[in-house]
């Protein structure tokens, strides 16, 4: 829901904006839409109507890679420091 597929960014309630910015799918969707429609006739109007945040597509991909690395590091630290119960 937060990626912009069901509810576009301008139509999201103010208390759900955090979900849009924290969702990896929103960055992936924006990057794909910008790659497909930017610079085409009528494409910029479509992107504006869809509510795509016009960031550079590479910024979106770098953010996705950063999220991937961050989640992997947090998972590694959780597995390293959290102990399970001994039987």
N, C-alpha and C. Protein backbone atom coordinates (compact mmCIF):
# COMPACT_ATOMS: atom_id res chain seq x y z
N UNK A 1 0.81 -1.18 0.00
CA UNK A 1 0.00 0.00 0.00
C UNK A 1 0.86 1.26 0.00
N UNK A 2 1.98 1.22 0.69
CA UNK A 2 2.80 2.42 0.84
C UNK A 2 3.71 2.67 -0.36
N UNK A 3 3.80 1.74 -1.29
CA UNK A 3 4.74 1.93 -2.39
C UNK A 3 4.23 2.89 -3.45
N UNK A 4 2.96 3.21 -3.41
CA UNK A 4 2.40 4.11 -4.40
C UNK A 4 1.58 3.39 -5.44
N UNK A 5 1.48 2.07 -5.35
CA UNK A 5 0.69 1.32 -6.32
C UNK A 5 -0.81 1.49 -6.07
N UNK A 6 -1.23 1.42 -4.83
CA UNK A 6 -2.65 1.50 -4.50
C UNK A 6 -3.06 2.92 -4.13
N UNK A 7 -2.25 3.58 -3.38
CA UNK A 7 -2.52 4.97 -2.99
C UNK A 7 -1.28 5.79 -3.34
N UNK A 8 -1.47 6.79 -4.19
CA UNK A 8 -0.35 7.61 -4.61
C UNK A 8 0.08 8.53 -3.47
N UNK A 9 1.32 8.96 -3.55
CA UNK A 9 1.92 9.78 -2.49
C UNK A 9 1.08 11.00 -2.13
N UNK A 10 0.60 11.78 -3.10
CA UNK A 10 -0.17 12.98 -2.70
C UNK A 10 -1.49 12.64 -1.99
N UNK A 11 -2.02 11.44 -2.20
CA UNK A 11 -3.30 11.07 -1.62
C UNK A 11 -3.17 10.33 -0.29
N UNK A 12 -1.96 10.05 0.15
CA UNK A 12 -1.79 9.36 1.42
C UNK A 12 -2.13 10.29 2.58
N UNK A 13 -2.77 9.75 3.63
CA UNK A 13 -3.00 10.57 4.82
C UNK A 13 -1.66 10.95 5.46
N UNK A 14 -1.65 12.05 6.15
CA UNK A 14 -0.40 12.56 6.72
C UNK A 14 0.24 11.58 7.71
N UNK A 15 -0.58 10.78 8.40
CA UNK A 15 -0.02 9.85 9.38
C UNK A 15 0.55 8.59 8.75
N UNK A 16 0.42 8.42 7.43
CA UNK A 16 0.99 7.25 6.75
C UNK A 16 2.19 7.60 5.86
N UNK A 17 2.61 8.85 5.87
CA UNK A 17 3.73 9.27 5.02
C UNK A 17 5.01 8.52 5.40
N UNK A 18 5.20 8.20 6.68
CA UNK A 18 6.39 7.47 7.12
C UNK A 18 6.48 6.11 6.41
N UNK A 19 5.34 5.50 6.13
CA UNK A 19 5.35 4.20 5.46
C UNK A 19 5.84 4.30 4.03
N UNK A 20 5.54 5.42 3.38
CA UNK A 20 6.01 5.62 2.01
C UNK A 20 7.53 5.73 1.96
N UNK A 21 8.09 6.53 2.87
CA UNK A 21 9.53 6.77 2.83
C UNK A 21 10.33 5.60 3.39
N UNK A 22 9.73 4.75 4.21
CA UNK A 22 10.47 3.62 4.77
C UNK A 22 10.28 2.34 3.97
N UNK A 23 9.46 2.36 2.93
CA UNK A 23 9.19 1.17 2.14
C UNK A 23 10.18 1.04 0.99
N UNK A 24 10.89 -0.08 0.90
CA UNK A 24 11.79 -0.27 -0.24
C UNK A 24 11.05 -0.34 -1.57
N UNK A 25 9.81 -0.80 -1.53
CA UNK A 25 9.04 -0.89 -2.77
C UNK A 25 8.75 0.47 -3.38
N UNK A 26 8.63 1.50 -2.55
CA UNK A 26 8.37 2.83 -3.11
C UNK A 26 9.58 3.32 -3.91
N UNK A 27 10.77 3.04 -3.42
CA UNK A 27 11.97 3.46 -4.15
C UNK A 27 12.14 2.65 -5.43
N UNK A 28 11.85 1.35 -5.37
CA UNK A 28 11.95 0.52 -6.57
C UNK A 28 10.91 0.93 -7.61
N UNK A 29 9.69 1.17 -7.16
CA UNK A 29 8.63 1.59 -8.09
C UNK A 29 8.95 2.93 -8.71
N UNK A 30 9.39 3.89 -7.92
CA UNK A 30 9.76 5.20 -8.45
C UNK A 30 10.88 5.09 -9.47
N UNK A 31 11.88 4.29 -9.17
CA UNK A 31 13.00 4.14 -10.08
C UNK A 31 12.56 3.54 -11.41
N UNK A 32 11.72 2.53 -11.35
CA UNK A 32 11.24 1.90 -12.59
C UNK A 32 10.36 2.86 -13.40
N UNK A 33 9.48 3.59 -12.72
CA UNK A 33 8.62 4.53 -13.43
C UNK A 33 9.42 5.68 -14.05
N UNK A 34 10.39 6.19 -13.33
CA UNK A 34 11.23 7.27 -13.87
C UNK A 34 12.02 6.76 -15.08
N UNK A 35 12.55 5.55 -14.99
CA UNK A 35 13.30 4.98 -16.10
C UNK A 35 12.42 4.79 -17.32
N UNK A 36 11.17 4.39 -17.12
CA UNK A 36 10.28 4.10 -18.23
C UNK A 36 9.71 5.36 -18.88
N UNK A 37 9.29 6.34 -18.07
CA UNK A 37 8.48 7.44 -18.60
C UNK A 37 9.17 8.78 -18.68
N UNK A 38 10.31 8.99 -18.04
CA UNK A 38 10.94 10.31 -18.05
C UNK A 38 11.46 10.62 -19.45
N UNK A 39 11.12 11.80 -19.91
CA UNK A 39 11.60 12.25 -21.21
C UNK A 39 10.75 11.81 -22.39
N UNK A 40 9.71 11.03 -22.16
CA UNK A 40 8.83 10.62 -23.26
C UNK A 40 7.68 11.62 -23.38
N UNK A 41 7.07 11.69 -24.55
CA UNK A 41 5.93 12.61 -24.69
C UNK A 41 4.79 12.20 -23.75
N UNK A 42 4.40 13.10 -22.91
CA UNK A 42 3.34 12.83 -21.94
C UNK A 42 3.80 12.07 -20.71
N UNK A 43 5.05 11.64 -20.70
CA UNK A 43 5.56 10.85 -19.59
C UNK A 43 5.72 11.66 -18.32
N UNK A 44 6.19 12.88 -18.45
CA UNK A 44 6.36 13.73 -17.27
C UNK A 44 5.01 14.06 -16.63
N UNK A 45 3.98 14.27 -17.47
CA UNK A 45 2.64 14.53 -16.94
C UNK A 45 2.12 13.29 -16.21
N UNK A 46 2.40 12.11 -16.77
CA UNK A 46 1.98 10.87 -16.12
C UNK A 46 2.67 10.70 -14.77
N UNK A 47 3.97 10.97 -14.73
CA UNK A 47 4.71 10.84 -13.48
C UNK A 47 4.18 11.83 -12.44
N UNK A 48 3.86 13.03 -12.87
CA UNK A 48 3.32 14.02 -11.94
C UNK A 48 1.94 13.59 -11.44
N UNK A 49 1.11 13.07 -12.34
CA UNK A 49 -0.24 12.64 -11.96
C UNK A 49 -0.18 11.42 -11.03
N UNK A 50 0.79 10.56 -11.25
CA UNK A 50 0.94 9.36 -10.42
C UNK A 50 1.54 9.68 -9.06
N UNK A 51 2.14 10.84 -8.94
CA UNK A 51 2.70 11.26 -7.65
C UNK A 51 4.11 10.78 -7.42
N UNK A 52 4.84 10.51 -8.50
CA UNK A 52 6.21 10.03 -8.37
C UNK A 52 7.10 11.18 -7.93
N UNK A 53 7.89 10.93 -6.89
CA UNK A 53 8.85 11.93 -6.44
C UNK A 53 10.00 11.95 -7.44
N UNK A 54 10.20 13.06 -8.11
CA UNK A 54 11.17 13.11 -9.19
C UNK A 54 12.59 13.25 -8.65
N UNK A 55 13.08 12.15 -8.12
CA UNK A 55 14.48 12.05 -7.73
C UNK A 55 15.20 11.35 -8.88
N UNK A 56 16.49 11.38 -8.85
CA UNK A 56 17.25 10.66 -9.84
C UNK A 56 17.05 9.16 -9.62
N UNK A 57 16.93 8.39 -10.71
CA UNK A 57 16.71 6.95 -10.54
C UNK A 57 17.89 6.28 -9.85
N UNK A 58 19.07 6.86 -9.98
CA UNK A 58 20.24 6.27 -9.32
C UNK A 58 20.20 6.52 -7.82
N UNK A 59 19.65 7.66 -7.41
CA UNK A 59 19.49 7.91 -5.97
C UNK A 59 18.59 6.86 -5.34
N UNK A 60 17.52 6.51 -6.05
CA UNK A 60 16.62 5.47 -5.55
C UNK A 60 17.35 4.13 -5.43
N UNK A 61 18.15 3.79 -6.43
CA UNK A 61 18.86 2.51 -6.39
C UNK A 61 19.94 2.50 -5.30
N UNK A 62 20.61 3.63 -5.11
CA UNK A 62 21.61 3.70 -4.03
C UNK A 62 20.94 3.56 -2.67
N UNK A 63 19.76 4.15 -2.52
CA UNK A 63 19.05 4.01 -1.27
C UNK A 63 18.63 2.55 -1.04
N UNK A 64 18.20 1.88 -2.09
CA UNK A 64 17.84 0.47 -1.98
C UNK A 64 19.05 -0.38 -1.58
N UNK A 65 20.19 -0.12 -2.19
CA UNK A 65 21.41 -0.85 -1.82
C UNK A 65 21.80 -0.56 -0.37
N UNK A 66 21.66 0.69 0.05
CA UNK A 66 21.95 1.04 1.44
C UNK A 66 21.02 0.32 2.41
N UNK A 67 19.74 0.22 2.05
CA UNK A 67 18.80 -0.51 2.90
C UNK A 67 19.16 -1.98 2.96
N UNK A 68 19.58 -2.55 1.84
CA UNK A 68 19.98 -3.96 1.80
C UNK A 68 21.17 -4.21 2.72
N UNK A 69 22.18 -3.37 2.62
CA UNK A 69 23.36 -3.52 3.47
C UNK A 69 23.00 -3.30 4.93
N UNK A 70 22.18 -2.30 5.21
CA UNK A 70 21.78 -2.02 6.59
C UNK A 70 21.02 -3.17 7.22
N UNK A 71 20.09 -3.75 6.48
CA UNK A 71 19.33 -4.88 7.01
C UNK A 71 20.23 -6.10 7.22
N UNK A 72 21.15 -6.32 6.31
CA UNK A 72 22.09 -7.45 6.48
C UNK A 72 22.98 -7.27 7.71
N UNK A 73 23.46 -6.06 7.93
CA UNK A 73 24.31 -5.80 9.10
C UNK A 73 23.49 -5.97 10.38
N UNK A 74 22.27 -5.43 10.41
CA UNK A 74 21.43 -5.59 11.60
C UNK A 74 21.09 -7.06 11.85
N UNK A 75 20.85 -7.82 10.81
CA UNK A 75 20.58 -9.24 10.97
C UNK A 75 21.80 -9.97 11.51
N UNK A 76 22.97 -9.65 10.98
CA UNK A 76 24.20 -10.27 11.47
C UNK A 76 24.42 -9.95 12.94
N UNK A 77 24.24 -8.69 13.32
CA UNK A 77 24.42 -8.31 14.72
C UNK A 77 23.40 -8.99 15.62
N UNK A 78 22.17 -9.11 15.15
CA UNK A 78 21.15 -9.79 15.95
C UNK A 78 21.50 -11.26 16.14
N UNK A 79 21.97 -11.91 15.09
CA UNK A 79 22.36 -13.32 15.21
C UNK A 79 23.60 -13.49 16.08
N UNK A 80 24.46 -12.51 16.06
CA UNK A 80 25.69 -12.59 16.83
C UNK A 80 25.45 -12.38 18.32
N UNK A 81 24.62 -11.41 18.66
CA UNK A 81 24.48 -11.03 20.07
C UNK A 81 23.25 -11.59 20.78
N UNK A 82 22.22 -11.92 20.06
CA UNK A 82 21.05 -12.48 20.69
C UNK A 82 21.24 -13.99 20.87
N UNK A 83 21.10 -14.44 22.06
CA UNK A 83 21.33 -15.85 22.36
C UNK A 83 20.01 -16.58 22.43
N UNK A 84 20.01 -17.79 21.91
CA UNK A 84 18.80 -18.56 22.08
C UNK A 84 18.90 -19.38 23.34
N UNK A 85 17.77 -19.87 23.71
CA UNK A 85 17.68 -20.64 24.95
C UNK A 85 18.33 -22.01 24.77
N UNK A 86 19.14 -22.42 25.71
CA UNK A 86 19.77 -23.74 25.67
C UNK A 86 18.76 -24.79 26.10
N UNK A 87 18.82 -25.93 25.48
CA UNK A 87 17.91 -27.03 25.85
C UNK A 87 18.48 -27.85 26.96
